[in-house]
Structures are given as structure tokens and as C-alpha cells.
């Protein structure tokens, strides 16, 4: 499966490898990305697209994605989320406390806790999971005409 962009850079329906090979051989398309392999047409064409449905299974450690038409599956992926953010923040907090007590006593600061009081604040691990969902869906929208 080769993903195809029209001359304006908008995604259209993907084609098979043989069709893409012919388009590239006849200089009617150029390679845009190698993973996933995406070509862009250099001529005007009809932008006939089918209805593509993107399904997302949001788990706590992995995200499952599948883009399908009525007849076939066009894209499938399983993305592993980061699980080390809480540990990295704990290490950073521990290093900060040891720095504070290493040479001389330095009072802990309590006036820099505004982040947790703001509306819409989320923990960094949750924020990363949400941003990963958004970025993955945006990448799929760049190569497939999701309806």
C-alpha cells in the first residue's frame, strides 16, 4: 500500500505498489516520505475519495489504530506510550532535594506551586498520553483522507 497526495498536498486514496512504480517511472509522481512510503502526484487529477473510518483503541500502555474502508484495511498500528515520566520526575525531585542540602541549608520554596491550581491542569504523564493521541491522529490525517 502506497499513500498518495494530490498536487496541492492533500491526501487521496492510496494505490498499490505497481501503480506507484509506474507513476514514479513516468515522472508523474515524486517521493515525499519513505516511512510510510508516500508519493505526491505532479499532475491534476480527480480527487475521488471513499469514506475512511479511523478507529482508535486507547489503552493505558498502548494505542491501537486502524483506518478502514468498507472493503479493506488501509492502515493499522500499535503505538506504545511512555511509562517512565513519573520515575523521571521523581529522580528530578530527589536530585533537587540533595542539591538543596549539599553545601548549605536552603529553605524549600512554597510559592512556586501555581501549576496545580490552574484550571485544566493535568499531570505530566496524562498530558503526554493525550498529546501522543493528538499527534498520531494528525500524522494519519496527513497521509489518508479520513472522513
C-alpha atoms as a PDB file:
ATOM      1  CA  UNK A   1       0.000   0.000   0.000  1.00  0.00           C
ATOM      2  CA  UNK A   2       1.421   3.361  -1.082  1.00  0.00           C
ATOM      3  CA  UNK A   3      -0.112   6.561   0.262  1.00  0.00           C
ATOM      4  CA  UNK A   4      -0.780   9.290  -2.299  1.00  0.00           C
ATOM      5  CA  UNK A   5      -1.045  13.085  -2.080  1.00  0.00           C
ATOM      6  CA  UNK A   6      -2.516  15.211  -4.856  1.00  0.00           C
ATOM      7  CA  UNK A   7      -0.684  18.166  -6.414  1.00  0.00           C
ATOM      8  CA  UNK A   8      -1.869  20.502  -3.624  1.00  0.00           C
ATOM      9  CA  UNK A   9      -0.542  18.106  -0.939  1.00  0.00           C
ATOM     10  CA  UNK A  10      -3.917  16.820   0.239  1.00  0.00           C
ATOM     11  CA  UNK A  11      -4.290  13.073   0.779  1.00  0.00           C
ATOM     12  CA  UNK A  12      -6.254  10.958  -1.691  1.00  0.00           C
ATOM     13  CA  UNK A  13      -6.882   7.217  -1.775  1.00  0.00           C
ATOM     14  CA  UNK A  14      -3.754   5.028  -1.609  1.00  0.00           C
ATOM     15  CA  UNK A  15      -2.679   2.862  -4.507  1.00  0.00           C
ATOM     16  CA  UNK A  16      -0.880  -0.432  -4.959  1.00  0.00           C
ATOM     17  CA  UNK A  17       2.890  -0.689  -5.315  1.00  0.00           C
ATOM     18  CA  UNK A  18       2.788  -1.459  -9.043  1.00  0.00           C
ATOM     19  CA  UNK A  19       0.731   1.658  -9.827  1.00  0.00           C
ATOM     20  CA  UNK A  20       3.094   3.808  -7.749  1.00  0.00           C
ATOM     21  CA  UNK A  21       6.100   2.281  -9.535  1.00  0.00           C
ATOM     22  CA  UNK A  22       4.586   3.212 -12.935  1.00  0.00           C
ATOM     23  CA  UNK A  23       3.822   6.753 -11.782  1.00  0.00           C
ATOM     24  CA  UNK A  24       7.366   7.238 -10.500  1.00  0.00           C
ATOM     25  CA  UNK A  25       8.905   5.716 -13.656  1.00  0.00           C
ATOM     26  CA  UNK A  26       6.883   8.056 -15.918  1.00  0.00           C
ATOM     27  CA  UNK A  27       7.763  11.110 -13.755  1.00  0.00           C
ATOM     28  CA  UNK A  28       4.101  11.646 -12.866  1.00  0.00           C
ATOM     29  CA  UNK A  29       4.824  11.458  -9.132  1.00  0.00           C
ATOM     30  CA  UNK A  30       7.636  12.128  -6.685  1.00  0.00           C
ATOM     31  CA  UNK A  31       8.549  10.544  -3.365  1.00  0.00           C
ATOM     32  CA  UNK A  32       7.608  12.620  -0.322  1.00  0.00           C
ATOM     33  CA  UNK A  33       8.311  10.236   2.586  1.00  0.00           C
ATOM     34  CA  UNK A  34       9.883   6.818   2.847  1.00  0.00           C
ATOM     35  CA  UNK A  35       8.157   5.671   6.059  1.00  0.00           C
ATOM     36  CA  UNK A  36       5.281   5.266   5.444  1.00  0.00           C
ATOM     37  CA  UNK A  37       6.029   5.372   1.730  1.00  0.00           C
ATOM     38  CA  UNK A  38       4.156   8.387   0.337  1.00  0.00           C
ATOM     39  CA  UNK A  39       4.182   9.878  -3.139  1.00  0.00           C
ATOM     40  CA  UNK A  40       2.820  13.158  -4.467  1.00  0.00           C
ATOM     41  CA  UNK A  41       1.301  13.468  -7.910  1.00  0.00           C
ATOM     42  CA  UNK A  42       2.665  16.216 -10.161  1.00  0.00           C
ATOM     43  CA  UNK A  43      -0.459  16.471 -12.346  1.00  0.00           C
ATOM     44  CA  UNK A  44      -4.071  17.460 -11.705  1.00  0.00           C
ATOM     45  CA  UNK A  45      -6.400  14.558 -11.030  1.00  0.00           C
ATOM     46  CA  UNK A  46      -9.926  13.943  -9.839  1.00  0.00           C
ATOM     47  CA  UNK A  47      -9.997  13.780  -6.068  1.00  0.00           C
ATOM     48  CA  UNK A  48     -12.368  10.862  -5.724  1.00  0.00           C
ATOM     49  CA  UNK A  49     -12.142   9.510  -2.203  1.00  0.00           C
ATOM     50  CA  UNK A  50     -14.035   6.788  -0.397  1.00  0.00           C
ATOM     51  CA  UNK A  51     -15.239   7.005   3.159  1.00  0.00           C
ATOM     52  CA  UNK A  52     -12.410   6.041   5.516  1.00  0.00           C
ATOM     53  CA  UNK A  53     -13.122   5.408   9.181  1.00  0.00           C
ATOM     54  CA  UNK A  54     -10.348   5.718  11.773  1.00  0.00           C
ATOM     55  CA  UNK A  55     -10.779   3.518  14.826  1.00  0.00           C
ATOM     56  CA  UNK A  56      -8.762   4.156  17.979  1.00  0.00           C
ATOM     57  CA  UNK A  57      -8.420   1.809  20.941  1.00  0.00           C
ATOM     58  CA  UNK A  58      -6.964   3.907  23.733  1.00  0.00           C
ATOM     59  CA  UNK A  59      -5.311   1.734  26.342  1.00  0.00           C
ATOM     60  CA  UNK A  60      -3.175   2.690  29.314  1.00  0.00           C
ATOM     61  CA  UNK A  61       0.095   1.402  27.814  1.00  0.00           C
ATOM     62  CA  UNK A  62      -0.602   1.082  24.082  1.00  0.00           C
ATOM     63  CA  UNK A  63      -2.809   2.743  21.476  1.00  0.00           C
ATOM     64  CA  UNK A  64      -4.320   0.642  18.699  1.00  0.00           C
ATOM     65  CA  UNK A  65      -5.197   2.361  15.405  1.00  0.00           C
ATOM     66  CA  UNK A  66      -6.970   1.119  12.307  1.00  0.00           C
ATOM     67  CA  UNK A  67      -8.153   3.031   9.228  1.00  0.00           C
ATOM     68  CA  UNK A  68     -10.604   1.057   7.099  1.00  0.00           C
ATOM     69  CA  UNK A  69     -12.975   1.382   4.172  1.00  0.00           C
ATOM     70  CA  UNK A  70     -15.915  -0.942   3.669  1.00  0.00           C
ATOM     71  CA  UNK A  71     -13.724  -3.418   1.777  1.00  0.00           C
ATOM     72  CA  UNK A  72     -10.192  -3.283   3.193  1.00  0.00           C
ATOM     73  CA  UNK A  73      -7.904  -2.067   5.936  1.00  0.00           C
ATOM     74  CA  UNK A  74      -5.663   0.789   4.794  1.00  0.00           C
ATOM     75  CA  UNK A  75      -3.642   1.457   7.935  1.00  0.00           C
ATOM     76  CA  UNK A  76      -3.039  -0.319  11.218  1.00  0.00           C
ATOM     77  CA  UNK A  77      -0.625   0.448  14.021  1.00  0.00           C
ATOM     78  CA  UNK A  78       0.057  -0.197  17.663  1.00  0.00           C
ATOM     79  CA  UNK A  79       1.821   2.634  19.484  1.00  0.00           C
ATOM     80  CA  UNK A  80       3.499   2.098  22.847  1.00  0.00           C
ATOM     81  CA  UNK A  81       3.123   5.025  25.239  1.00  0.00           C
ATOM     82  CA  UNK A  82       5.839   6.322  27.538  1.00  0.00           C
ATOM     83  CA  UNK A  83       5.713   4.883  31.043  1.00  0.00           C
ATOM     84  CA  UNK A  84       8.832   6.487  32.503  1.00  0.00           C
ATOM     85  CA  UNK A  85       7.626  10.050  33.115  1.00  0.00           C
ATOM     86  CA  UNK A  86       6.656   9.506  36.768  1.00  0.00           C
ATOM     87  CA  UNK A  87      10.030   7.910  37.538  1.00  0.00           C
ATOM     88  CA  UNK A  88      11.954  10.684  35.781  1.00  0.00           C
ATOM     89  CA  UNK A  89      10.075  13.353  37.740  1.00  0.00           C
ATOM     90  CA  UNK A  90      10.793  11.509  40.990  1.00  0.00           C
ATOM     91  CA  UNK A  91      14.505  11.379  40.172  1.00  0.00           C
ATOM     92  CA  UNK A  92      14.472  15.081  39.326  1.00  0.00           C
ATOM     93  CA  UNK A  93      12.757  15.886  42.633  1.00  0.00           C
ATOM     94  CA  UNK A  94      15.283  13.758  44.529  1.00  0.00           C
ATOM     95  CA  UNK A  95      18.236  15.472  42.814  1.00  0.00           C
ATOM     96  CA  UNK A  96      16.763  18.867  43.625  1.00  0.00           C
ATOM     97  CA  UNK A  97      16.454  17.944  47.313  1.00  0.00           C
ATOM     98  CA  UNK A  98      20.017  16.640  47.508  1.00  0.00           C
ATOM     99  CA  UNK A  99      21.287  19.817  45.809  1.00  0.00           C
ATOM    100  CA  UNK A 100      19.382  21.883  48.319  1.00  0.00           C
ATOM    101  CA  UNK A 101      21.101  20.174  51.261  1.00  0.00           C
ATOM    102  CA  UNK A 102      24.560  19.579  49.809  1.00  0.00           C
ATOM    103  CA  UNK A 103      26.576  22.675  50.713  1.00  0.00           C
ATOM    104  CA  UNK A 104      24.405  24.821  52.892  1.00  0.00           C
ATOM    105  CA  UNK A 105      20.868  24.735  54.057  1.00  0.00           C
ATOM    106  CA  UNK A 106      18.441  26.315  51.640  1.00  0.00           C
ATOM    107  CA  UNK A 107      14.808  26.673  52.533  1.00  0.00           C
ATOM    108  CA  UNK A 108      12.319  24.876  50.327  1.00  0.00           C
ATOM    109  CA  UNK A 109      10.230  27.247  48.234  1.00  0.00           C
ATOM    110  CA  UNK A 110       6.463  27.090  48.537  1.00  0.00           C
ATOM    111  CA  UNK A 111       5.393  29.984  46.329  1.00  0.00           C
ATOM    112  CA  UNK A 112       6.002  28.156  43.039  1.00  0.00           C
ATOM    113  CA  UNK A 113       3.037  25.773  43.241  1.00  0.00           C
ATOM    114  CA  UNK A 114       0.723  27.681  40.907  1.00  0.00           C
ATOM    115  CA  UNK A 115       0.649  24.976  38.197  1.00  0.00           C
ATOM    116  CA  UNK A 116      -1.589  22.624  40.133  1.00  0.00           C
ATOM    117  CA  UNK A 117      -4.122  25.343  40.952  1.00  0.00           C
ATOM    118  CA  UNK A 118      -4.819  26.373  37.363  1.00  0.00           C
ATOM    119  CA  UNK A 119      -7.962  25.069  35.694  1.00  0.00           C
ATOM    120  CA  UNK A 120      -7.301  22.413  33.104  1.00  0.00           C
ATOM    121  CA  UNK A 121      -4.014  21.324  34.671  1.00  0.00           C
ATOM    122  CA  UNK A 122      -3.171  17.659  34.152  1.00  0.00           C
ATOM    123  CA  UNK A 123      -0.348  15.526  35.453  1.00  0.00           C
ATOM    124  CA  UNK A 124       2.635  15.366  33.067  1.00  0.00           C
ATOM    125  CA  UNK A 125       2.146  11.646  32.397  1.00  0.00           C
ATOM    126  CA  UNK A 126      -1.526  12.161  31.451  1.00  0.00           C
ATOM    127  CA  UNK A 127      -0.641  15.241  29.394  1.00  0.00           C
ATOM    128  CA  UNK A 128       1.908  13.202  27.409  1.00  0.00           C
ATOM    129  CA  UNK A 129      -0.636  10.458  26.702  1.00  0.00           C
ATOM    130  CA  UNK A 130      -3.158  12.993  25.413  1.00  0.00           C
ATOM    131  CA  UNK A 131      -0.575  14.767  23.236  1.00  0.00           C
ATOM    132  CA  UNK A 132       0.545  11.404  21.814  1.00  0.00           C
ATOM    133  CA  UNK A 133      -3.046  10.652  20.781  1.00  0.00           C
ATOM    134  CA  UNK A 134      -3.351  14.030  19.048  1.00  0.00           C
ATOM    135  CA  UNK A 135      -0.009  13.743  17.234  1.00  0.00           C
ATOM    136  CA  UNK A 136      -0.707  10.213  15.963  1.00  0.00           C
ATOM    137  CA  UNK A 137      -4.126  11.182  14.620  1.00  0.00           C
ATOM    138  CA  UNK A 138      -2.605  14.263  12.953  1.00  0.00           C
ATOM    139  CA  UNK A 139       0.049  12.101  11.236  1.00  0.00           C
ATOM    140  CA  UNK A 140      -2.623   9.757   9.889  1.00  0.00           C
ATOM    141  CA  UNK A 141      -4.684  12.714   8.607  1.00  0.00           C
ATOM    142  CA  UNK A 142      -1.643  13.822   6.575  1.00  0.00           C
ATOM    143  CA  UNK A 143      -1.491  10.573   4.578  1.00  0.00           C
ATOM    144  CA  UNK A 144      -5.149   9.421   4.441  1.00  0.00           C
ATOM    145  CA  UNK A 145      -8.399  11.288   3.668  1.00  0.00           C
ATOM    146  CA  UNK A 146     -10.139  10.333   6.923  1.00  0.00           C
ATOM    147  CA  UNK A 147     -13.822  11.200   6.871  1.00  0.00           C
END
